[in-house]
Amino acid sequence: MIKLAMTDNKIVRTRIAPSPTGEYHIGHLRTCLYDYALARKNGGQFVIRIEDTDRKRYVEGAESRILQVIKDYGLDWDEGPDIGGPYAPYTQTERLDTYNKYIKELLDKGLAYYCFCTEERLTQMRETQKALKQIPRYDQHCLHLSKEEIQKNLDNKVPYTIRMVIPKNQTIVFEDMIRGKIKFNTNEIDDQVLVKSNGIPTYHFAVVVDDHLMNITHIFRGEEWITSTPKQILLYQYLGWEVPYFAHLTVLLNPDGKGKLSKRHGATSARSFLEDGYLPEAMLNFLMLLGWNPGNNQEIFTLDQFVESFSLDHLHKKSPVFDRKKLDYFNGYYLRQKTNEELFVLFKKFLSNATDEQINILVPVLKERIVKLSDLPIQTKFLFENVEYDKSLLLEYKDQILDSKLVIEMLEKTKSIFSDFTNLQEKLSNLIKENNWNTGEYFMVFRVAICGSKFTPPVVDCLPALGKDKTLQKLDIAISKLNNKLLN
């Protein structure tokens, strides 16, 4: 029986090891956050390592984008490909000589072997196994080649991979920091490829070598990697190394609770949430609670507070739902905590057409109403263009149709109050009283005329940002629409 055991007198060192194969997933950011918190809580080190051995899926520029988005969320690291460190290099394709050393050791010990099987043979083997209702796995054909056969193939430059030898009928036991004791029988484990035919190591091999040489003590990763853990534990054992602690985090579920978080329910990259106007601190607060709880009812945490409160004991075993309404709540909360000066900078990024004067008017009006910053261009569209709408919208109020002549009268008389923008609310209220109009009807008409919609921000408060000329222009457009209706 092989058991995981590790002494407790080491400095806590955690790592994330993203692959530059695309944008950084929001679930990976949660893992990053927990790695960061555990290291900082215990006075340890947090490391970033780039795992770029999957050359087929490698995306140019992805590495720099991944590092940048982690920074944009306010997280930093002690060692990494951009800042170096005592265990450099921190990019796997720059560490090939290191991997070759340990592959040779495994080959010399008889714990790994050359596999010369063609892809055609492997495909046929798997198809046959499936037909016989067997679990597809390598049949160890090349494990039994003689030294002479192996050398002949090497001399003839026959393409090969290198596989690890899996012992028969052994039990591998490890204590997961979240799930407790987990057992595997080696009869269920395939002879994993350690080095691909292009000479580059696979994830399963490189990650073990790197984690050992970089003194990583605790590993957070998704639960989909649980079945890979026994293979990696075997490699630690084969190389005579101490096994780190593992914590396999739950997956994030779609908002409906069905299935792993996917793009069908909205963007899933960490960058996309920032581009959609979510604040980094709101996202982090939301992610903190997707797999962890503080043991009380507290929900609002700064990053420093989270680090102080973080404990492995409160990590969840049940997959959390990615509740976007809850995320919106957090984002709205954090937006409202910001000063008008801070919001001015944020508004300016999302309202590229607005002048500084307009933004200064809009910030106090909209800060209580927006959920995310990307709401701003939609809510303020009427400030920058004449929004198209059907003339019937000016007449529809609840379950009745207003008289066109009455609505035209409302709009015509409204034009008279815009000599300036002082006391607008009072002027409009007086206008309604003087003419004995229904208040609800009037403001519905006014909102549609100015914004082209019945659902608007506080339209009266926004008028100074629109200006007198554009306000009158929009009222004239509405009147024209209704006059055309009368003529028709």
Protein backbone atom coordinates (compact mmCIF):
# COMPACT_ATOMS: atom_id res chain seq x y z
CA MET A 1 0.00 0.00 0.00
CA ILE A 2 1.33 3.42 -1.00
CA LYS A 3 0.33 6.29 1.27
CA LEU A 4 0.80 10.04 1.05
CA ALA A 5 2.88 11.41 3.89
CA MET A 6 4.55 14.76 4.34
CA THR A 7 6.31 16.45 7.19
CA ASP A 8 4.79 19.65 8.56
CA ASN A 9 7.97 21.66 9.13
CA LYS A 10 8.27 23.08 5.61
CA ILE A 11 7.54 26.63 4.52
CA VAL A 12 4.18 26.68 2.74
CA ARG A 13 4.71 27.09 -0.99
CA THR A 14 1.78 27.07 -3.40
CA ARG A 15 1.65 27.52 -7.15
CA ILE A 16 -0.58 27.95 -10.09
CA ALA A 17 0.57 26.56 -13.40
CA PRO A 18 -1.57 27.91 -16.24
CA SER A 19 -1.25 26.60 -19.78
CA PRO A 20 -0.99 29.29 -22.50
CA THR A 21 -3.65 27.64 -24.64
CA GLY A 22 -6.25 30.42 -24.44
CA GLU A 23 -7.81 32.90 -22.04
CA TYR A 24 -7.61 32.37 -18.28
CA HIS A 25 -10.84 30.77 -17.04
CA ILE A 26 -12.71 32.28 -14.11
CA GLY A 27 -12.53 28.89 -12.36
CA HIS A 28 -8.73 29.00 -12.62
CA LEU A 29 -8.81 32.43 -11.02
CA ARG A 30 -10.65 30.95 -8.03
CA THR A 31 -7.92 28.31 -7.71
CA CYS A 32 -5.32 31.05 -7.96
CA LEU A 33 -7.08 32.98 -5.20
CA TYR A 34 -7.02 30.00 -2.82
CA ASP A 35 -3.34 29.31 -3.59
CA TYR A 36 -2.56 32.95 -2.91
CA ALA A 37 -4.52 32.99 0.36
CA LEU A 38 -2.92 29.83 1.78
CA ALA A 39 0.60 31.07 1.05
CA ARG A 40 0.00 34.57 2.40
CA LYS A 41 -1.86 33.30 5.48
CA ASN A 42 1.08 31.11 6.44
CA GLY A 43 3.90 33.48 5.56
CA GLY A 44 4.91 31.30 2.62
CA GLN A 45 5.50 31.85 -1.08
CA PHE A 46 3.14 31.88 -4.02
CA VAL A 47 4.60 30.82 -7.36
CA ILE A 48 3.46 31.06 -10.97
CA ARG A 49 4.79 28.52 -13.45
CA ILE A 50 3.86 28.33 -17.13
CA GLU A 51 3.05 24.81 -18.33
CA ASP A 52 3.49 25.13 -22.07
CA THR A 53 4.26 21.55 -23.08
CA ASP A 54 1.02 21.24 -25.08
CA ARG A 55 2.51 22.74 -28.23
CA LYS A 56 -0.44 21.82 -30.45
CA ARG A 57 -2.78 24.05 -28.47
CA TYR A 58 -0.26 26.76 -27.68
CA VAL A 59 -1.57 30.29 -28.37
CA GLU A 60 0.89 33.07 -29.08
CA GLY A 61 0.59 35.86 -26.52
CA ALA A 62 -1.60 33.86 -24.13
CA GLU A 63 1.09 33.73 -21.45
CA SER A 64 1.41 37.51 -21.16
CA ARG A 65 -2.38 37.91 -21.15
CA ILE A 66 -2.73 35.36 -18.36
CA LEU A 67 -0.11 37.06 -16.19
CA GLN A 68 -1.66 40.46 -16.86
CA VAL A 69 -5.22 39.44 -15.97
CA ILE A 70 -4.05 37.97 -12.67
CA LYS A 71 -2.34 41.29 -11.92
CA ASP A 72 -5.48 43.16 -12.96
CA TYR A 73 -7.36 41.26 -10.26
CA GLY A 74 -4.91 42.55 -7.67
CA LEU A 75 -2.94 39.36 -7.05
CA ASP A 76 0.85 39.22 -7.01
CA TRP A 77 3.40 36.43 -6.76
CA ASP A 78 6.84 35.81 -5.31
CA GLU A 79 8.38 33.83 -8.17
CA GLY A 80 7.46 33.42 -11.81
CA PRO A 81 8.51 33.63 -15.45
CA ASP A 82 8.39 37.43 -15.43
CA ILE A 83 10.28 38.07 -12.19
CA GLY A 84 12.44 34.96 -11.86
CA GLY A 85 13.31 33.32 -8.59
CA PRO A 86 15.61 30.69 -7.05
CA TYR A 87 14.11 27.84 -9.10
CA ALA A 88 14.14 29.48 -12.53
CA PRO A 89 13.27 28.96 -15.28
CA TYR A 90 9.53 28.97 -14.58
CA THR A 91 8.46 27.95 -18.09
CA GLN A 92 8.41 24.23 -18.81
CA THR A 93 9.80 24.29 -22.35
CA GLU A 94 12.88 25.98 -20.88
CA ARG A 95 13.38 23.04 -18.50
CA LEU A 96 13.69 20.13 -20.94
CA ASP A 97 17.22 19.18 -19.85
CA THR A 98 15.95 18.84 -16.28
CA TYR A 99 13.17 16.47 -17.32
CA ASN A 100 15.57 14.39 -19.42
CA LYS A 101 17.69 13.75 -16.33
CA TYR A 102 14.78 12.20 -14.44
CA ILE A 103 13.43 10.29 -17.41
CA LYS A 104 16.82 8.62 -17.73
CA GLU A 105 16.69 7.75 -14.05
CA LEU A 106 13.30 6.10 -14.46
CA LEU A 107 14.45 4.19 -17.56
CA ASP A 108 17.57 2.98 -15.78
CA LYS A 109 15.48 1.77 -12.83
CA GLY A 110 13.07 -0.08 -15.13
CA LEU A 111 10.23 2.17 -13.94
CA ALA A 112 9.67 3.60 -17.42
CA TYR A 113 10.03 2.13 -20.91
CA TYR A 114 10.16 3.01 -24.58
CA CYS A 115 6.95 2.51 -26.53
CA PHE A 116 7.30 2.22 -30.31
CA CYS A 117 3.63 1.50 -31.03
CA THR A 118 2.20 3.43 -33.95
CA GLU A 119 -0.95 5.52 -33.59
CA GLU A 120 -2.68 3.03 -35.91
CA ARG A 121 -1.88 0.14 -33.58
CA LEU A 122 -3.01 2.06 -30.52
CA THR A 123 -6.29 3.02 -32.20
CA GLN A 124 -6.98 -0.58 -33.23
CA MET A 125 -6.13 -1.79 -29.72
CA ARG A 126 -8.59 0.66 -28.14
CA GLU A 127 -11.35 -0.24 -30.60
CA THR A 128 -10.91 -3.93 -29.83
CA GLN A 129 -11.02 -3.29 -26.09
CA LYS A 130 -14.20 -1.24 -26.47
CA ALA A 131 -15.81 -4.01 -28.51
CA LEU A 132 -15.00 -6.45 -25.70
CA LYS A 133 -16.44 -3.94 -23.17
CA GLN A 134 -13.02 -3.50 -21.57
CA ILE A 135 -11.62 -0.24 -20.21
CA PRO A 136 -9.36 1.16 -22.95
CA ARG A 137 -5.77 1.13 -21.77
CA TYR A 138 -2.33 0.35 -23.10
CA ASP A 139 -1.64 -3.41 -23.30
CA GLN A 140 2.06 -3.07 -22.32
CA HIS A 141 3.17 -4.56 -25.64
CA CYS A 142 6.47 -2.64 -25.61
CA LEU A 143 7.17 -3.29 -21.94
CA HIS A 144 8.35 -6.74 -22.89
CA LEU A 145 10.74 -5.81 -25.71
CA SER A 146 14.29 -7.08 -25.29
CA LYS A 147 17.21 -4.67 -24.90
CA GLU A 148 18.33 -5.66 -28.38
CA GLU A 149 14.92 -4.84 -29.91
CA ILE A 150 14.83 -1.51 -28.12
CA GLN A 151 18.33 -0.56 -29.24
CA LYS A 152 17.61 -1.60 -32.83
CA ASN A 153 14.53 0.60 -32.91
CA LEU A 154 16.46 3.51 -31.43
CA ASP A 155 19.30 3.05 -33.96
CA ASN A 156 16.74 3.00 -36.79
CA LYS A 157 15.14 6.17 -35.38
CA VAL A 158 11.75 4.56 -34.98
CA PRO A 159 9.44 7.15 -33.34
CA TYR A 160 8.68 6.42 -29.70
CA THR A 161 7.09 7.69 -26.54
CA ILE A 162 8.18 6.85 -23.00
CA ARG A 163 5.65 5.32 -20.62
CA MET A 164 5.74 4.73 -16.89
CA VAL A 165 5.40 1.22 -15.47
CA ILE A 166 2.29 0.82 -13.34
CA PRO A 167 2.59 -1.90 -10.69
CA LYS A 168 -0.08 -4.57 -10.55
CA ASN A 169 -2.83 -4.66 -7.94
CA GLN A 170 -1.46 -2.13 -5.48
CA THR A 171 -3.58 0.30 -3.47
CA ILE A 172 -2.65 3.96 -3.57
CA VAL A 173 -4.09 6.02 -0.72
CA PHE A 174 -3.84 9.76 -0.26
CA GLU A 175 -5.51 12.22 2.07
CA ASP A 176 -7.19 14.97 0.10
CA MET A 177 -7.39 18.23 2.06
CA ILE A 178 -11.04 18.64 1.07
CA ARG A 179 -12.39 15.15 0.44
CA GLY A 180 -10.49 13.07 2.98
CA LYS A 181 -9.05 9.67 2.20
CA ILE A 182 -9.12 8.57 -1.46
CA LYS A 183 -8.07 5.14 -2.69
CA PHE A 184 -7.15 3.77 -6.10
CA ASN A 185 -6.16 0.30 -7.24
CA THR A 186 -3.32 0.35 -9.76
CA ASN A 187 -5.16 -2.17 -11.93
CA GLU A 188 -7.41 0.77 -12.89
CA ILE A 189 -4.48 2.92 -14.01
CA ASP A 190 -3.02 3.05 -17.51
CA ASP A 191 0.71 3.09 -18.30
CA GLN A 192 0.86 6.86 -18.62
CA VAL A 193 2.93 8.46 -21.38
CA LEU A 194 5.65 10.55 -19.74
CA VAL A 195 7.42 11.82 -22.84
CA LYS A 196 5.68 12.42 -26.16
CA SER A 197 7.09 11.47 -29.55
CA ASN A 198 8.36 15.04 -30.02
CA GLY A 199 10.57 14.67 -26.95
CA ILE A 200 8.49 17.03 -24.80
CA PRO A 201 7.27 15.67 -21.47
CA THR A 202 3.58 15.34 -20.72
CA TYR A 203 1.85 17.34 -18.03
CA HIS A 204 1.75 14.34 -15.66
CA PHE A 205 5.52 13.97 -15.64
CA ALA A 206 6.66 17.59 -15.83
CA VAL A 207 4.31 18.74 -13.08
CA VAL A 208 5.76 16.22 -10.61
CA VAL A 209 9.36 17.15 -11.40
CA ASP A 210 8.64 20.87 -11.20
CA ASP A 211 6.58 20.71 -8.02
CA HIS A 212 9.32 18.72 -6.29
CA LEU A 213 12.24 20.85 -7.46
CA MET A 214 10.36 24.05 -6.61
CA ASN A 215 9.49 22.73 -3.13
CA ILE A 216 5.73 23.08 -3.63
CA THR A 217 4.00 21.88 -0.47
CA HIS A 218 0.28 22.32 -1.24
CA ILE A 219 -1.51 21.87 -4.55
CA PHE A 220 -4.99 23.18 -5.33
CA ARG A 221 -6.58 21.98 -8.55
CA GLY A 222 -9.95 20.96 -9.98
CA GLU A 223 -11.64 17.70 -9.11
CA GLU A 224 -11.21 16.50 -12.70
CA TRP A 225 -7.56 15.84 -11.78
CA ILE A 226 -8.37 13.36 -8.99
CA THR A 227 -7.86 10.35 -11.26
CA SER A 228 -4.43 11.67 -12.27
CA THR A 229 -3.23 11.92 -8.68
CA PRO A 230 -2.30 8.24 -8.18
CA LYS A 231 -0.10 8.31 -11.29
CA GLN A 232 1.70 11.33 -9.93
CA ILE A 233 2.04 9.82 -6.48
CA LEU A 234 3.69 6.80 -8.09
CA LEU A 235 6.20 9.09 -9.78
CA TYR A 236 7.01 10.73 -6.46
CA GLN A 237 7.56 7.28 -5.01
CA TYR A 238 9.65 6.11 -7.96
CA LEU A 239 11.94 9.11 -7.66
CA GLY A 240 12.15 8.89 -3.87
CA TRP A 241 10.47 12.23 -3.28
CA GLU A 242 8.07 13.46 -0.62
CA VAL A 243 4.49 13.85 -1.82
CA PRO A 244 2.82 17.28 -1.41
CA TYR A 245 -0.66 17.85 -0.05
CA PHE A 246 -3.50 17.84 -2.59
CA ALA A 247 -6.81 19.69 -2.47
CA HIS A 248 -9.18 18.94 -5.35
CA LEU A 249 -11.64 21.80 -5.63
CA THR A 250 -15.23 21.41 -6.76
CA VAL A 251 -16.22 22.54 -10.23
CA LEU A 252 -18.30 25.70 -10.72
CA LEU A 253 -21.81 24.92 -11.93
CA ASN A 254 -23.88 26.84 -14.47
CA PRO A 255 -26.36 29.37 -13.01
CA ASP A 256 -29.16 26.80 -13.42
CA GLY A 257 -27.14 24.30 -11.37
CA LYS A 258 -26.86 21.90 -14.29
CA GLY A 259 -23.41 21.05 -15.57
CA LYS A 260 -19.99 22.63 -15.39
CA LEU A 261 -19.87 26.39 -16.00
CA SER A 262 -19.90 26.90 -19.76
CA LYS A 263 -20.06 29.68 -22.34
CA ARG A 264 -23.69 28.81 -23.04
CA HIS A 265 -24.54 30.78 -19.91
CA GLY A 266 -22.29 33.76 -20.61
CA ALA A 267 -18.60 34.53 -20.83
CA THR A 268 -16.29 32.43 -18.63
CA SER A 269 -12.84 33.98 -19.03
CA ALA A 270 -11.46 36.08 -16.19
CA ARG A 271 -10.75 38.91 -18.63
CA SER A 272 -14.30 38.97 -20.00
CA PHE A 273 -15.78 39.84 -16.59
CA LEU A 274 -13.52 42.87 -16.31
CA GLU A 275 -14.44 43.92 -19.83
CA ASP A 276 -18.10 43.57 -18.90
CA GLY A 277 -17.66 46.09 -16.12
CA TYR A 278 -17.27 43.91 -13.04
CA LEU A 279 -14.83 45.26 -10.46
CA PRO A 280 -11.85 43.06 -9.55
CA GLU A 281 -12.60 43.31 -5.83
CA ALA A 282 -16.24 42.30 -6.40
CA MET A 283 -15.22 39.31 -8.52
CA LEU A 284 -12.69 38.16 -5.93
CA ASN A 285 -15.23 38.50 -3.11
CA PHE A 286 -17.72 36.48 -5.14
CA LEU A 287 -15.14 33.78 -5.96
CA MET A 288 -13.98 33.52 -2.35
CA LEU A 289 -17.37 32.14 -1.39
CA LEU A 290 -17.64 29.69 -4.30
CA GLY A 291 -16.07 26.78 -2.49
CA TRP A 292 -15.25 28.28 0.92
CA ASN A 293 -17.08 29.88 3.81
CA PRO A 294 -15.81 31.73 6.88
CA GLY A 295 -17.89 29.70 9.32
CA ASN A 296 -20.24 32.63 9.97
CA ASN A 297 -22.61 34.88 8.00
CA GLN A 298 -20.01 37.38 6.82
CA GLU A 299 -20.10 37.90 3.07
CA ILE A 300 -18.07 41.03 2.40
CA PHE A 301 -14.31 40.46 2.44
CA THR A 302 -11.39 42.53 1.26
CA LEU A 303 -8.50 40.47 -0.05
CA ASP A 304 -6.56 41.02 3.18
CA GLN A 305 -9.55 40.00 5.28
CA PHE A 306 -9.99 36.86 3.20
CA VAL A 307 -6.33 35.90 3.66
CA GLU A 308 -6.67 36.39 7.40
CA SER A 309 -9.87 34.28 7.56
CA PHE A 310 -8.90 31.56 5.07
CA SER A 311 -8.69 28.00 6.34
CA LEU A 312 -8.61 24.62 4.67
CA ASP A 313 -11.25 23.35 7.08
CA HIS A 314 -13.95 25.45 5.43
CA LEU A 315 -13.42 24.38 1.84
CA HIS A 316 -16.57 22.84 0.35
CA LYS A 317 -17.17 19.34 -0.96
CA LYS A 318 -20.30 20.34 -2.87
CA SER A 319 -20.05 22.15 -6.21
CA PRO A 320 -21.32 25.75 -6.00
CA VAL A 321 -23.63 27.42 -8.50
CA PHE A 322 -22.18 30.40 -10.35
CA ASP A 323 -25.03 32.69 -9.36
CA ARG A 324 -24.77 35.77 -11.58
CA LYS A 325 -27.45 37.59 -9.58
CA LYS A 326 -25.26 37.21 -6.51
CA LEU A 327 -22.29 38.45 -8.51
CA ASP A 328 -24.33 41.48 -9.58
CA TYR A 329 -25.16 42.13 -5.93
CA PHE A 330 -21.48 42.16 -4.99
CA ASN A 331 -20.57 44.38 -7.90
CA GLY A 332 -23.32 46.89 -7.12
CA TYR A 333 -22.18 46.96 -3.51
CA TYR A 334 -18.57 47.67 -4.39
CA LEU A 335 -19.53 50.31 -6.94
CA ARG A 336 -21.49 52.18 -4.30
CA GLN A 337 -18.53 52.15 -1.91
CA LYS A 338 -16.41 54.14 -4.34
CA THR A 339 -16.06 57.90 -4.23
CA ASN A 340 -17.31 60.01 -7.11
CA GLU A 341 -13.70 60.69 -8.04
CA GLU A 342 -12.95 56.96 -8.28
CA LEU A 343 -16.12 56.37 -10.28
CA PHE A 344 -15.23 59.19 -12.66
CA VAL A 345 -12.17 57.21 -13.80
CA LEU A 346 -14.23 54.03 -14.24
CA PHE A 347 -17.11 55.77 -16.01
CA LYS A 348 -14.67 57.39 -18.42
CA LYS A 349 -13.42 53.97 -19.57
CA PHE A 350 -16.93 52.85 -20.47
CA LEU A 351 -18.29 56.16 -21.80
CA SER A 352 -15.74 57.08 -24.43
CA ASN A 353 -18.17 59.53 -26.12
CA ALA A 354 -18.89 61.50 -22.97
CA THR A 355 -17.16 64.71 -21.98
CA ASP A 356 -15.69 65.14 -18.51
CA GLU A 357 -18.54 67.53 -17.71
CA GLN A 358 -21.14 64.92 -18.69
CA ILE A 359 -19.44 62.23 -16.62
CA ASN A 360 -19.35 64.49 -13.56
CA ILE A 361 -23.11 64.96 -13.95
CA LEU A 362 -23.80 61.25 -14.48
CA VAL A 363 -21.71 59.74 -11.68
CA PRO A 364 -23.91 60.80 -8.73
CA VAL A 365 -27.07 60.11 -10.74
CA LEU A 366 -26.19 56.58 -11.87
CA LYS A 367 -23.92 55.17 -9.14
CA GLU A 368 -26.93 53.87 -7.20
CA ARG A 369 -28.58 52.34 -10.27
CA ILE A 370 -25.97 50.46 -12.27
CA VAL A 371 -25.07 46.84 -11.59
CA LYS A 372 -21.97 46.78 -13.74
CA LEU A 373 -20.09 49.39 -15.69
CA SER A 374 -21.08 47.96 -19.05
CA ASP A 375 -24.64 49.06 -18.23
CA LEU A 376 -23.53 52.64 -18.75
CA PRO A 377 -23.43 52.79 -22.57
CA ILE A 378 -26.91 51.25 -22.72
CA GLN A 379 -28.44 53.51 -20.08
CA THR A 380 -26.91 56.67 -21.53
CA LYS A 381 -27.31 55.89 -25.23
CA PHE A 382 -29.95 58.64 -25.53
CA LEU A 383 -27.32 61.26 -24.62
CA PHE A 384 -25.31 60.63 -27.75
CA GLU A 385 -27.82 59.65 -30.43
CA ASN A 386 -31.49 59.83 -31.30
CA VAL A 387 -32.76 56.42 -30.27
CA GLU A 388 -35.21 54.89 -32.74
CA TYR A 389 -38.59 54.02 -31.27
CA ASP A 390 -42.13 53.53 -32.56
CA LYS A 391 -44.50 56.49 -32.11
CA SER A 392 -47.05 54.18 -30.48
CA LEU A 393 -44.67 53.94 -27.50
CA LEU A 394 -45.53 57.57 -26.69
CA LEU A 395 -49.19 56.68 -26.30
CA GLU A 396 -49.13 53.37 -24.44
CA TYR A 397 -49.63 53.79 -20.71
CA LYS A 398 -50.44 50.70 -18.66
CA ASP A 399 -53.56 49.21 -20.28
CA GLN A 400 -54.75 52.35 -22.07
CA ILE A 401 -53.90 54.39 -25.16
CA LEU A 402 -53.43 58.11 -24.56
CA ASP A 403 -54.94 60.74 -26.84
CA SER A 404 -52.37 61.97 -29.40
CA LYS A 405 -53.46 65.59 -29.07
CA LEU A 406 -53.03 65.45 -25.28
CA VAL A 407 -49.51 64.03 -25.61
CA ILE A 408 -48.55 66.67 -28.18
CA GLU A 409 -49.84 69.35 -25.79
CA MET A 410 -47.71 67.87 -22.98
CA LEU A 411 -44.56 67.92 -25.10
CA GLU A 412 -45.15 71.41 -26.52
CA LYS A 413 -45.70 72.96 -23.10
CA THR A 414 -42.71 71.09 -21.70
CA LYS A 415 -40.42 72.85 -24.19
CA SER A 416 -41.24 76.17 -22.54
CA ILE A 417 -39.56 75.35 -19.22
CA PHE A 418 -36.05 74.82 -20.63
CA SER A 419 -34.74 78.34 -20.40
CA ASP A 420 -32.20 76.80 -18.02
CA PHE A 421 -31.72 73.54 -16.08
CA THR A 422 -32.25 74.84 -12.57
CA ASN A 423 -35.02 73.30 -10.43
CA LEU A 424 -36.17 71.07 -13.28
CA GLN A 425 -38.08 68.67 -11.09
CA GLU A 426 -40.00 71.53 -9.49
CA LYS A 427 -40.75 73.12 -12.87
CA LEU A 428 -42.09 69.85 -14.26
CA SER A 429 -44.23 69.23 -11.18
CA ASN A 430 -45.70 72.72 -11.44
CA LEU A 431 -46.38 72.18 -15.16
CA ILE A 432 -48.28 68.97 -14.40
CA LYS A 433 -50.37 70.66 -11.69
CA GLU A 434 -51.15 73.70 -13.82
CA ASN A 435 -52.49 71.53 -16.63
CA ASN A 436 -54.13 68.92 -14.41
CA TRP A 437 -52.22 66.11 -16.11
CA ASN A 438 -51.81 62.60 -14.71
CA THR A 439 -48.28 62.45 -13.26
CA GLY A 440 -47.65 58.84 -14.28
CA GLU A 441 -48.86 59.45 -17.82
CA TYR A 442 -46.77 62.57 -18.17
CA PHE A 443 -43.47 61.11 -17.04
CA MET A 444 -43.97 58.01 -19.19
CA VAL A 445 -44.39 60.27 -22.23
CA PHE A 446 -41.42 62.40 -21.19
CA ARG A 447 -39.13 59.37 -20.68
CA VAL A 448 -39.99 57.93 -24.08
CA ALA A 449 -39.52 61.28 -25.82
CA ILE A 450 -36.10 61.83 -24.28
CA CYS A 451 -34.75 58.27 -24.05
CA GLY A 452 -36.76 56.26 -26.58
CA SER A 453 -37.76 53.80 -23.85
CA LYS A 454 -40.13 53.47 -20.90
CA PHE A 455 -37.34 52.06 -18.72
CA THR A 456 -34.69 54.71 -18.15
CA PRO A 457 -32.25 56.14 -15.61
CA PRO A 458 -33.48 59.20 -13.66
CA VAL A 459 -34.16 61.14 -16.82
CA VAL A 460 -34.66 64.57 -15.27
CA ASP A 461 -31.34 64.35 -13.41
CA CYS A 462 -29.61 63.35 -16.64
CA LEU A 463 -30.92 66.31 -18.67
CA PRO A 464 -28.03 68.66 -17.79
CA ALA A 465 -25.73 66.09 -19.41
CA LEU A 466 -27.96 66.09 -22.50
CA GLY A 467 -28.08 69.88 -22.77
CA LYS A 468 -30.83 72.28 -23.80
CA ASP A 469 -30.50 72.00 -27.57
CA LYS A 470 -30.58 68.20 -27.67
CA THR A 471 -33.41 68.08 -25.16
CA LEU A 472 -35.55 70.35 -27.31
CA GLN A 473 -34.56 68.42 -30.42
CA LYS A 474 -35.77 65.14 -28.88
CA LEU A 475 -39.08 66.74 -27.86
CA ASP A 476 -39.53 68.05 -31.42
CA ILE A 477 -38.84 64.59 -32.85
CA ALA A 478 -41.51 63.10 -30.60
CA ILE A 479 -44.01 65.81 -31.58
CA SER A 480 -43.24 65.23 -35.24
CA LYS A 481 -43.86 61.49 -34.85
CA LEU A 482 -47.28 62.17 -33.36
CA ASN A 483 -48.24 64.84 -35.92
CA ASN A 484 -47.44 62.35 -38.66
CA LYS A 485 -49.67 59.86 -36.90
CA LEU A 486 -52.54 62.38 -36.89
CA LEU A 487 -52.06 63.10 -40.57
CA ASN A 488 -52.10 59.40 -41.35
